[in-house]
Amino acid sequence: MPQRILIADDHQLFVDGLRMLIDRIDTCEVIGEARNGREALAFLHHHPVDCVLIDVEMPELNGIETTRLIKRNWPNVNVLAISMMIDFATVQLMLQAGADGYLLKSTNKTELSKALESVAQGRIYVSAALSPILLHGVADRPIPGFAYVEPLTRREREIVGYIAEGLTNDLIAKKLCIARTTVDTHRKNILSKTGCKNTAALIKFAIEKKLLASS
């Protein structure tokens, strides 16, 4: 059964183009459109949806608030932000609101398909084009709800950066010229130190705690 997609964006020309891209992805199907956050919530009340592709800036109810409400009322619905906004603070706020991923509106079919597949499998997907922004994030507000006691080593922070870019343990090992088993051990230590249960939680944690910021 294909993923049922709701597109929430107030620019019809972009919506039409996005729908055309999704129509070329066999595993997905656009079942509805919303011009703002309120319309998106109303649609969810009456239709089963697997993933909402949502713009950050919308009239009446923006993408951040809409995402927060979606996750509160329909926690099993994935939310994938797709926006022209590329600043660290906006990406951070969307992920804090519960978004499962963040894409740029300049995305292509290949990346869109990869992102939709990733969030369907319970993984966070952040556009590769945003990596430099995430790596140089400057937000320094303390985030409540997280206990971060033991600091990560330089190598562990480096590995977190590669994880955020979507690299597998095998690729990380090749980049760092170390054994795959060493990367496995580092990854386990990172999850243990941060108290995160999986990669998705780790990426959110890393952004919120500035672990992806340049040292």
C-alpha atoms as a PDB file:
ATOM      1  CA  MET A   1       0.000   0.000   0.000  1.00  0.00           C
ATOM      2  CA  PRO A   2       1.543   3.350  -1.009  1.00  0.00           C
ATOM      3  CA  GLN A   3       2.271   6.074   1.532  1.00  0.00           C
ATOM      4  CA  ARG A   4      -0.668   8.447   1.726  1.00  0.00           C
ATOM      5  CA  ILE A   5       0.724  11.972   1.416  1.00  0.00           C
ATOM      6  CA  LEU A   6      -0.848  15.292   2.375  1.00  0.00           C
ATOM      7  CA  ILE A   7       0.854  18.408   0.983  1.00  0.00           C
ATOM      8  CA  ALA A   8       0.475  21.546   3.110  1.00  0.00           C
ATOM      9  CA  ASP A   9       1.757  24.646   1.313  1.00  0.00           C
ATOM     10  CA  ASP A  10       0.170  27.940   0.299  1.00  0.00           C
ATOM     11  CA  HIS A  11       1.972  28.225  -3.055  1.00  0.00           C
ATOM     12  CA  GLN A  12      -0.120  26.320  -5.599  1.00  0.00           C
ATOM     13  CA  LEU A  13       2.574  26.343  -8.284  1.00  0.00           C
ATOM     14  CA  PHE A  14       4.988  24.598  -5.925  1.00  0.00           C
ATOM     15  CA  VAL A  15       2.291  22.159  -4.798  1.00  0.00           C
ATOM     16  CA  ASP A  16       1.600  21.223  -8.417  1.00  0.00           C
ATOM     17  CA  GLY A  17       5.298  20.591  -9.041  1.00  0.00           C
ATOM     18  CA  LEU A  18       5.679  18.569  -5.857  1.00  0.00           C
ATOM     19  CA  ARG A  19       2.640  16.476  -6.728  1.00  0.00           C
ATOM     20  CA  MET A  20       4.198  15.709 -10.124  1.00  0.00           C
ATOM     21  CA  LEU A  21       7.390  14.495  -8.426  1.00  0.00           C
ATOM     22  CA  ILE A  22       5.478  12.295  -5.982  1.00  0.00           C
ATOM     23  CA  ASP A  23       3.372  10.852  -8.804  1.00  0.00           C
ATOM     24  CA  ARG A  24       6.636   9.444 -10.200  1.00  0.00           C
ATOM     25  CA  ILE A  25       7.392   7.619  -6.919  1.00  0.00           C
ATOM     26  CA  ASP A  26       5.678   4.231  -6.983  1.00  0.00           C
ATOM     27  CA  THR A  27       5.515   3.903  -3.192  1.00  0.00           C
ATOM     28  CA  CYS A  28       3.692   7.192  -2.574  1.00  0.00           C
ATOM     29  CA  GLU A  29       0.351   8.778  -3.397  1.00  0.00           C
ATOM     30  CA  VAL A  30      -0.840  12.344  -2.839  1.00  0.00           C
ATOM     31  CA  ILE A  31      -4.318  12.151  -1.326  1.00  0.00           C
ATOM     32  CA  GLY A  32      -4.854  15.792  -0.382  1.00  0.00           C
ATOM     33  CA  GLU A  33      -3.673  19.402  -0.331  1.00  0.00           C
ATOM     34  CA  ALA A  34      -3.923  22.115   2.323  1.00  0.00           C
ATOM     35  CA  ARG A  35      -3.181  25.809   1.945  1.00  0.00           C
ATOM     36  CA  ASN A  36      -2.411  26.400   5.619  1.00  0.00           C
ATOM     37  CA  GLY A  37      -2.010  24.645   8.928  1.00  0.00           C
ATOM     38  CA  ARG A  38      -5.679  24.775   9.845  1.00  0.00           C
ATOM     39  CA  GLU A  39      -6.704  23.107   6.595  1.00  0.00           C
ATOM     40  CA  ALA A  40      -4.060  20.426   7.177  1.00  0.00           C
ATOM     41  CA  LEU A  41      -5.430  19.646  10.649  1.00  0.00           C
ATOM     42  CA  ALA A  42      -8.993  19.577   9.331  1.00  0.00           C
ATOM     43  CA  PHE A  43      -7.963  17.116   6.611  1.00  0.00           C
ATOM     44  CA  LEU A  44      -6.296  14.832   9.161  1.00  0.00           C
ATOM     45  CA  HIS A  45      -9.516  14.729  11.183  1.00  0.00           C
ATOM     46  CA  HIS A  46     -11.320  13.091   8.272  1.00  0.00           C
ATOM     47  CA  HIS A  47      -8.704  11.167   6.277  1.00  0.00           C
ATOM     48  CA  PRO A  48      -5.997   8.611   7.121  1.00  0.00           C
ATOM     49  CA  VAL A  49      -2.585  10.064   6.268  1.00  0.00           C
ATOM     50  CA  ASP A  50       0.864   8.516   6.541  1.00  0.00           C
ATOM     51  CA  CYS A  51       3.005  11.604   5.932  1.00  0.00           C
ATOM     52  CA  VAL A  52       2.468  15.355   5.780  1.00  0.00           C
ATOM     53  CA  LEU A  53       4.819  17.361   3.568  1.00  0.00           C
ATOM     54  CA  ILE A  54       4.631  20.782   5.174  1.00  0.00           C
ATOM     55  CA  ASP A  55       5.964  24.258   4.514  1.00  0.00           C
ATOM     56  CA  VAL A  56       7.355  26.177   7.481  1.00  0.00           C
ATOM     57  CA  GLU A  57       5.842  29.552   6.584  1.00  0.00           C
ATOM     58  CA  MET A  58       2.090  29.367   6.029  1.00  0.00           C
ATOM     59  CA  PRO A  59      -0.796  31.726   6.805  1.00  0.00           C
ATOM     60  CA  GLU A  60      -3.137  31.242   9.780  1.00  0.00           C
ATOM     61  CA  LEU A  61      -1.069  28.462  11.375  1.00  0.00           C
ATOM     62  CA  ASN A  62       2.603  28.044  10.518  1.00  0.00           C
ATOM     63  CA  GLY A  63       4.441  24.786   9.934  1.00  0.00           C
ATOM     64  CA  ILE A  64       6.068  24.677  13.362  1.00  0.00           C
ATOM     65  CA  GLU A  65       2.807  24.999  15.305  1.00  0.00           C
ATOM     66  CA  THR A  66       0.999  22.694  12.902  1.00  0.00           C
ATOM     67  CA  THR A  67       3.709  20.048  13.301  1.00  0.00           C
ATOM     68  CA  ARG A  68       3.449  20.267  17.077  1.00  0.00           C
ATOM     69  CA  LEU A  69      -0.332  19.762  16.901  1.00  0.00           C
ATOM     70  CA  ILE A  70      -0.040  16.893  14.421  1.00  0.00           C
ATOM     71  CA  LYS A  71       2.411  15.057  16.645  1.00  0.00           C
ATOM     72  CA  ARG A  72       0.225  15.641  19.682  1.00  0.00           C
ATOM     73  CA  ASN A  73      -2.976  14.371  18.076  1.00  0.00           C
ATOM     74  CA  TRP A  74      -1.671  11.942  15.440  1.00  0.00           C
ATOM     75  CA  PRO A  75       1.699  10.717  16.742  1.00  0.00           C
ATOM     76  CA  ASN A  76       1.943   8.014  14.073  1.00  0.00           C
ATOM     77  CA  VAL A  77       1.734  10.513  11.213  1.00  0.00           C
ATOM     78  CA  ASN A  78       5.155  11.441   9.835  1.00  0.00           C
ATOM     79  CA  VAL A  79       5.887  15.111   9.176  1.00  0.00           C
ATOM     80  CA  LEU A  80       8.464  16.113   6.594  1.00  0.00           C
ATOM     81  CA  ALA A  81       9.218  19.831   6.386  1.00  0.00           C
ATOM     82  CA  ILE A  82       9.955  21.189   2.924  1.00  0.00           C
ATOM     83  CA  SER A  83      10.987  24.823   2.908  1.00  0.00           C
ATOM     84  CA  MET A  84      13.137  27.565   1.412  1.00  0.00           C
ATOM     85  CA  MET A  85      14.318  28.494   4.910  1.00  0.00           C
ATOM     86  CA  ILE A  86      17.840  27.216   5.566  1.00  0.00           C
ATOM     87  CA  ASP A  87      18.804  28.820   8.876  1.00  0.00           C
ATOM     88  CA  PHE A  88      19.835  26.638  11.812  1.00  0.00           C
ATOM     89  CA  ALA A  89      17.182  28.034  14.169  1.00  0.00           C
ATOM     90  CA  THR A  90      14.301  27.142  11.847  1.00  0.00           C
ATOM     91  CA  VAL A  91      15.545  23.595  11.270  1.00  0.00           C
ATOM     92  CA  GLN A  92      16.042  23.224  15.013  1.00  0.00           C
ATOM     93  CA  LEU A  93      12.534  24.484  15.824  1.00  0.00           C
ATOM     94  CA  MET A  94      10.919  22.144  13.302  1.00  0.00           C
ATOM     95  CA  LEU A  95      12.739  19.117  14.700  1.00  0.00           C
ATOM     96  CA  GLN A  96      11.927  20.178  18.256  1.00  0.00           C
ATOM     97  CA  ALA A  97       8.260  20.420  17.230  1.00  0.00           C
ATOM     98  CA  GLY A  98       8.452  16.776  16.185  1.00  0.00           C
ATOM     99  CA  ALA A  99       9.221  16.887  12.455  1.00  0.00           C
ATOM    100  CA  ASP A 100      10.701  13.661  11.128  1.00  0.00           C
ATOM    101  CA  GLY A 101      12.770  15.399   8.497  1.00  0.00           C
ATOM    102  CA  TYR A 102      13.645  18.632   6.743  1.00  0.00           C
ATOM    103  CA  LEU A 103      14.021  19.132   2.986  1.00  0.00           C
ATOM    104  CA  LEU A 104      14.752  22.182   0.874  1.00  0.00           C
ATOM    105  CA  LYS A 105      12.334  23.190  -1.868  1.00  0.00           C
ATOM    106  CA  SER A 106      15.174  22.769  -4.341  1.00  0.00           C
ATOM    107  CA  THR A 107      15.060  19.000  -3.754  1.00  0.00           C
ATOM    108  CA  ASN A 108      14.846  16.530  -6.634  1.00  0.00           C
ATOM    109  CA  LYS A 109      12.913  13.281  -7.092  1.00  0.00           C
ATOM    110  CA  THR A 110      15.801  11.120  -5.867  1.00  0.00           C
ATOM    111  CA  GLU A 111      16.211  12.962  -2.572  1.00  0.00           C
ATOM    112  CA  LEU A 112      12.472  13.313  -2.054  1.00  0.00           C
ATOM    113  CA  SER A 113      12.031   9.578  -2.529  1.00  0.00           C
ATOM    114  CA  LYS A 114      14.896   8.853  -0.135  1.00  0.00           C
ATOM    115  CA  ALA A 115      13.465  11.209   2.489  1.00  0.00           C
ATOM    116  CA  LEU A 116       9.975   9.718   2.271  1.00  0.00           C
ATOM    117  CA  GLU A 117      11.388   6.206   2.553  1.00  0.00           C
ATOM    118  CA  SER A 118      13.543   7.196   5.540  1.00  0.00           C
ATOM    119  CA  VAL A 119      10.736   8.746   7.571  1.00  0.00           C
ATOM    120  CA  ALA A 120       8.454   5.801   6.726  1.00  0.00           C
ATOM    121  CA  GLN A 121      11.075   3.548   8.312  1.00  0.00           C
ATOM    122  CA  GLY A 122      11.241   5.664  11.451  1.00  0.00           C
ATOM    123  CA  ARG A 123      14.446   7.541  10.616  1.00  0.00           C
ATOM    124  CA  ILE A 124      15.030  11.274  10.602  1.00  0.00           C
ATOM    125  CA  TYR A 125      16.053  12.710   7.241  1.00  0.00           C
ATOM    126  CA  VAL A 126      17.732  16.099   6.896  1.00  0.00           C
ATOM    127  CA  SER A 127      18.737  17.350   3.456  1.00  0.00           C
ATOM    128  CA  ALA A 128      22.441  16.904   2.744  1.00  0.00           C
ATOM    129  CA  ALA A 129      22.535  20.529   1.614  1.00  0.00           C
ATOM    130  CA  LEU A 130      21.834  21.552   5.215  1.00  0.00           C
ATOM    131  CA  SER A 131      24.875  19.774   6.666  1.00  0.00           C
ATOM    132  CA  PRO A 132      27.110  22.889   6.675  1.00  0.00           C
ATOM    133  CA  ILE A 133      24.366  24.844   8.451  1.00  0.00           C
ATOM    134  CA  LEU A 134      23.867  22.145  11.060  1.00  0.00           C
ATOM    135  CA  LEU A 135      27.603  21.799  11.579  1.00  0.00           C
ATOM    136  CA  HIS A 136      27.902  25.514  12.289  1.00  0.00           C
ATOM    137  CA  GLY A 137      24.721  25.989  14.305  1.00  0.00           C
ATOM    138  CA  VAL A 138      24.912  28.750  16.860  1.00  0.00           C
ATOM    139  CA  ALA A 139      21.826  28.236  19.044  1.00  0.00           C
ATOM    140  CA  ASP A 140      22.915  27.975  22.670  1.00  0.00           C
ATOM    141  CA  ARG A 141      19.689  27.959  24.641  1.00  0.00           C
ATOM    142  CA  PRO A 142      19.484  25.104  27.164  1.00  0.00           C
ATOM    143  CA  ILE A 143      16.903  22.524  26.126  1.00  0.00           C
ATOM    144  CA  PRO A 144      14.785  21.141  29.003  1.00  0.00           C
ATOM    145  CA  GLY A 145      14.148  17.441  29.257  1.00  0.00           C
ATOM    146  CA  PHE A 146      17.606  16.220  28.328  1.00  0.00           C
ATOM    147  CA  ALA A 147      20.252  14.975  30.724  1.00  0.00           C
ATOM    148  CA  TYR A 148      23.708  15.336  29.218  1.00  0.00           C
ATOM    149  CA  VAL A 149      26.325  14.402  31.790  1.00  0.00           C
ATOM    150  CA  GLU A 150      29.388  12.816  30.224  1.00  0.00           C
ATOM    151  CA  PRO A 151      30.879  14.877  27.368  1.00  0.00           C
ATOM    152  CA  LEU A 152      31.563  13.276  24.014  1.00  0.00           C
ATOM    153  CA  THR A 153      35.125  12.951  22.776  1.00  0.00           C
ATOM    154  CA  ARG A 154      36.277  14.727  19.613  1.00  0.00           C
ATOM    155  CA  ARG A 155      36.062  11.458  17.668  1.00  0.00           C
ATOM    156  CA  GLU A 156      32.548  10.787  18.984  1.00  0.00           C
ATOM    157  CA  ARG A 157      31.434  14.283  17.955  1.00  0.00           C
ATOM    158  CA  GLU A 158      32.945  13.650  14.536  1.00  0.00           C
ATOM    159  CA  ILE A 159      30.957  10.429  14.214  1.00  0.00           C
ATOM    160  CA  VAL A 160      27.759  12.181  15.303  1.00  0.00           C
ATOM    161  CA  GLY A 161      28.317  14.641  12.436  1.00  0.00           C
ATOM    162  CA  TYR A 162      28.602  11.822   9.931  1.00  0.00           C
ATOM    163  CA  ILE A 163      25.512  10.117  11.363  1.00  0.00           C
ATOM    164  CA  ALA A 164      23.611  13.388  10.889  1.00  0.00           C
ATOM    165  CA  GLU A 165      24.697  13.376   7.239  1.00  0.00           C
ATOM    166  CA  GLY A 166      23.086   9.942   6.863  1.00  0.00           C
ATOM    167  CA  LEU A 167      26.276   7.890   6.528  1.00  0.00           C
ATOM    168  CA  THR A 168      26.209   4.219   7.484  1.00  0.00           C
ATOM    169  CA  ASN A 169      28.735   2.733   9.918  1.00  0.00           C
ATOM    170  CA  ASP A 170      30.603   1.199   6.972  1.00  0.00           C
ATOM    171  CA  LEU A 171      30.972   4.565   5.232  1.00  0.00           C
ATOM    172  CA  ILE A 172      32.002   6.282   8.465  1.00  0.00           C
ATOM    173  CA  ALA A 173      34.674   3.633   8.986  1.00  0.00           C
ATOM    174  CA  LYS A 174      36.050   4.232   5.481  1.00  0.00           C
ATOM    175  CA  LYS A 175      36.078   8.012   5.925  1.00  0.00           C
ATOM    176  CA  LEU A 176      37.908   7.787   9.251  1.00  0.00           C
ATOM    177  CA  CYS A 177      40.143   4.867   8.177  1.00  0.00           C
ATOM    178  CA  ILE A 178      39.108   2.799  11.176  1.00  0.00           C
ATOM    179  CA  ALA A 179      37.461  -0.598  11.601  1.00  0.00           C
ATOM    180  CA  ARG A 180      33.700  -0.977  11.293  1.00  0.00           C
ATOM    181  CA  THR A 181      33.673  -2.574  14.752  1.00  0.00           C
ATOM    182  CA  THR A 182      35.331   0.547  16.168  1.00  0.00           C
ATOM    183  CA  VAL A 183      32.557   2.702  14.708  1.00  0.00           C
ATOM    184  CA  ASP A 184      29.993   0.302  16.183  1.00  0.00           C
ATOM    185  CA  THR A 185      31.598   0.712  19.606  1.00  0.00           C
ATOM    186  CA  HIS A 186      31.720   4.513  19.300  1.00  0.00           C
ATOM    187  CA  ARG A 187      28.065   4.569  18.277  1.00  0.00           C
ATOM    188  CA  LYS A 188      27.030   2.467  21.271  1.00  0.00           C
ATOM    189  CA  ASN A 189      29.037   4.733  23.586  1.00  0.00           C
ATOM    190  CA  ILE A 190      27.441   7.836  22.064  1.00  0.00           C
ATOM    191  CA  LEU A 191      23.925   6.470  22.576  1.00  0.00           C
ATOM    192  CA  SER A 192      24.809   5.469  26.128  1.00  0.00           C
ATOM    193  CA  LYS A 193      26.275   8.880  27.011  1.00  0.00           C
ATOM    194  CA  THR A 194      23.414  10.869  25.508  1.00  0.00           C
ATOM    195  CA  GLY A 195      20.659   8.555  26.700  1.00  0.00           C
ATOM    196  CA  CYS A 196      19.249   8.314  23.166  1.00  0.00           C
ATOM    197  CA  LYS A 197      17.565   5.082  22.111  1.00  0.00           C
ATOM    198  CA  ASN A 198      18.035   5.389  18.354  1.00  0.00           C
ATOM    199  CA  THR A 199      19.543   7.446  15.547  1.00  0.00           C
ATOM    200  CA  ALA A 200      16.501   9.687  15.142  1.00  0.00           C
ATOM    201  CA  ALA A 201      16.623  10.683  18.808  1.00  0.00           C
ATOM    202  CA  LEU A 202      20.387  11.183  18.579  1.00  0.00           C
ATOM    203  CA  ILE A 203      20.140  13.625  15.671  1.00  0.00           C
ATOM    204  CA  LYS A 204      17.494  15.684  17.465  1.00  0.00           C
ATOM    205  CA  PHE A 205      19.596  15.628  20.610  1.00  0.00           C
ATOM    206  CA  ALA A 206      22.745  16.595  18.713  1.00  0.00           C
ATOM    207  CA  ILE A 207      21.092  19.628  17.121  1.00  0.00           C
ATOM    208  CA  GLU A 208      19.492  20.769  20.350  1.00  0.00           C
ATOM    209  CA  LYS A 209      22.726  20.403  22.356  1.00  0.00           C
ATOM    210  CA  LYS A 210      24.956  21.880  19.619  1.00  0.00           C
ATOM    211  CA  LEU A 211      26.880  18.635  19.201  1.00  0.00           C
ATOM    212  CA  LEU A 212      26.977  19.355  15.491  1.00  0.00           C
ATOM    213  CA  ALA A 213      28.471  22.816  15.981  1.00  0.00           C
ATOM    214  CA  SER A 214      32.074  23.297  14.916  1.00  0.00           C
ATOM    215  CA  SER A 215      34.509  23.003  17.804  1.00  0.00           C
END
